[in-house]
Protein backbone atom coordinates (compact mmCIF):
# COMPACT_ATOMS: atom_id res chain seq x y z
CA MET A 1 15.67 -32.83 -31.63
CA THR A 2 13.31 -32.60 -28.71
CA THR A 3 14.26 -30.87 -25.52
CA THR A 4 12.53 -31.52 -22.28
CA PRO A 5 11.98 -28.51 -20.05
CA ARG A 6 13.95 -28.69 -16.84
CA ALA A 7 12.01 -28.53 -13.64
CA GLU A 8 12.27 -25.04 -12.22
CA LYS A 9 14.29 -24.90 -9.01
CA LEU A 10 12.44 -23.76 -5.93
CA THR A 11 13.76 -20.60 -4.29
CA LEU A 12 13.87 -20.28 -0.54
CA PHE A 13 14.60 -16.94 1.14
CA MET A 14 16.22 -17.29 4.56
CA ALA A 15 17.00 -14.66 7.21
CA GLU A 16 19.40 -16.23 9.71
CA ASP A 17 22.18 -14.46 11.63
CA GLU A 18 23.87 -17.46 13.26
CA GLU A 19 26.59 -18.53 10.84
CA GLY A 20 26.66 -22.20 11.89
CA THR A 21 22.89 -22.57 11.59
CA ALA A 22 22.90 -20.75 8.24
CA ILE A 23 25.59 -23.07 6.83
CA LEU A 24 23.70 -26.16 8.01
CA LEU A 25 20.39 -24.90 6.62
CA LYS A 26 21.92 -23.90 3.30
CA PHE A 27 23.56 -27.32 2.90
CA LEU A 28 20.36 -29.15 3.85
CA LEU A 29 18.14 -27.03 1.60
CA GLU A 30 20.42 -27.03 -1.44
CA ARG A 31 20.73 -30.81 -1.13
CA GLY A 32 16.92 -30.87 -1.14
CA GLY A 33 16.81 -28.99 -4.46
CA TYR A 34 16.26 -25.41 -3.30
CA THR A 35 18.11 -22.33 -4.44
CA VAL A 36 18.81 -20.50 -1.17
CA VAL A 37 18.92 -16.71 -0.90
CA HIS A 38 20.38 -15.79 2.49
CA ALA A 39 20.25 -12.55 4.49
CA VAL A 40 22.47 -12.27 7.58
CA ASP A 41 20.40 -9.64 9.44
CA GLY A 42 17.00 -7.96 9.41
CA GLN A 43 18.15 -4.86 7.56
CA GLN A 44 19.75 -6.85 4.73
CA ALA A 45 16.67 -9.08 4.60
CA GLN A 46 14.33 -6.10 4.20
CA THR A 47 16.44 -4.67 1.38
CA MET A 48 16.50 -8.03 -0.39
CA ILE A 49 12.74 -8.50 0.05
CA ASP A 50 12.16 -5.09 -1.52
CA HIS A 51 14.27 -5.91 -4.58
CA MET A 52 13.78 -9.59 -5.36
CA PRO A 53 10.86 -11.48 -6.87
CA PRO A 54 8.80 -13.53 -4.42
CA PRO A 55 10.45 -16.86 -3.53
CA THR A 56 8.71 -20.20 -3.19
CA LEU A 57 9.15 -20.19 0.61
CA VAL A 58 10.56 -18.00 3.42
CA LEU A 59 12.39 -19.07 6.59
CA LEU A 60 12.69 -16.33 9.22
CA ASP A 61 14.55 -16.25 12.50
CA ILE A 62 12.83 -13.99 15.06
CA MET A 63 15.93 -12.76 16.85
CA LEU A 64 17.85 -10.88 14.15
CA PRO A 65 20.05 -7.77 14.36
CA TYR A 66 18.49 -4.43 13.24
CA LEU A 67 14.98 -5.72 12.43
CA SER A 68 13.34 -8.72 14.05
CA GLY A 69 11.77 -11.58 12.18
CA LEU A 70 8.37 -10.36 13.39
CA GLN A 71 9.04 -6.95 11.80
CA LEU A 72 10.11 -8.67 8.57
CA LEU A 73 7.00 -10.84 8.68
CA ALA A 74 4.80 -7.72 8.83
CA HIS A 75 6.82 -6.11 6.02
CA ILE A 76 6.43 -9.20 3.80
CA ARG A 77 2.69 -9.46 4.40
CA GLN A 78 2.25 -5.81 3.33
CA LYS A 79 3.76 -6.57 -0.09
CA ALA A 80 1.00 -7.65 -2.50
CA GLU A 81 3.24 -9.90 -4.59
CA TRP A 82 4.49 -11.75 -1.47
CA GLN A 83 1.03 -12.21 0.12
CA HIS A 84 0.76 -15.93 -0.62
CA VAL A 85 4.37 -16.95 0.00
CA PRO A 86 4.49 -19.48 2.86
CA ILE A 87 6.55 -18.22 5.80
CA ILE A 88 8.02 -20.52 8.42
CA MET A 89 9.48 -19.00 11.56
CA LEU A 90 12.56 -21.01 12.56
CA THR A 91 13.87 -19.66 15.82
CA ALA A 92 15.18 -20.44 19.29
CA ASP A 93 12.36 -18.27 20.67
CA SER A 94 9.83 -20.62 22.24
CA ASN A 95 7.89 -17.84 24.01
CA GLU A 96 4.18 -18.62 23.59
CA ARG A 97 3.29 -14.96 23.05
CA ASP A 98 5.81 -14.65 20.20
CA ILE A 99 4.45 -17.83 18.63
CA GLU A 100 0.91 -16.40 18.84
CA LYS A 101 2.10 -13.03 17.44
CA ALA A 102 3.88 -14.68 14.53
CA LEU A 103 0.94 -16.86 13.57
CA ALA A 104 -1.52 -13.97 13.97
CA ALA A 105 0.73 -11.76 11.80
CA GLY A 106 0.67 -14.23 8.94
CA ALA A 107 3.33 -16.89 9.57
CA ASN A 108 2.22 -20.24 8.18
CA ASP A 109 4.25 -22.33 10.60
CA TYR A 110 6.61 -22.02 13.57
CA MET A 111 9.51 -24.29 14.48
CA VAL A 112 11.79 -24.00 17.50
CA LYS A 113 15.55 -24.57 17.32
CA PRO A 114 17.22 -26.92 17.69
CA PHE A 115 15.24 -28.46 14.85
CA ASN A 116 15.04 -31.90 13.31
CA PRO A 117 16.22 -31.65 9.66
CA ARG A 118 13.74 -34.30 8.48
CA GLU A 119 10.86 -32.50 10.16
CA LEU A 120 11.90 -29.19 8.57
CA THR A 121 12.15 -30.66 5.08
CA ALA A 122 8.80 -32.44 5.55
CA ARG A 123 7.15 -29.15 6.53
CA LEU A 124 8.73 -27.37 3.56
CA ARG A 125 7.51 -30.08 1.16
CA ARG A 126 4.01 -29.71 2.56
CA PHE A 127 3.96 -26.00 1.69
CA VAL A 128 5.41 -26.60 -1.77
CA LYS A 129 2.65 -29.17 -2.49
CA VAL A 130 -0.02 -26.74 -1.31
CA ALA A 131 1.41 -23.97 -3.52
CA SER A 132 1.43 -26.22 -6.63
């Protein structure tokens, strides 16, 4: 009997405090084949980042309780094993300075809410192809 190896599911770590947005994202991403690990605030996200293996991708909101997405971005980029994980900022913050800060600090992409689900999934696929 021959068994074929199953394709490994892609893991996406998401820090999002708005419940409605988190539910929508989780539904969209799981339907797209991702296993979603979700943190509801910056403090929980930092703890999870410190204790989990690097995911395939990261989605960070900037405006989070306790620690901002920019603080989490800096924390992630200091971790050697997370250095090459693509990070997409997905936030309602369209301030040009924050966009510049995020990209300069190591974010790979930046999307402003409200977002187009097809555009988000296309951007995620692009990073998964690059990582392969």
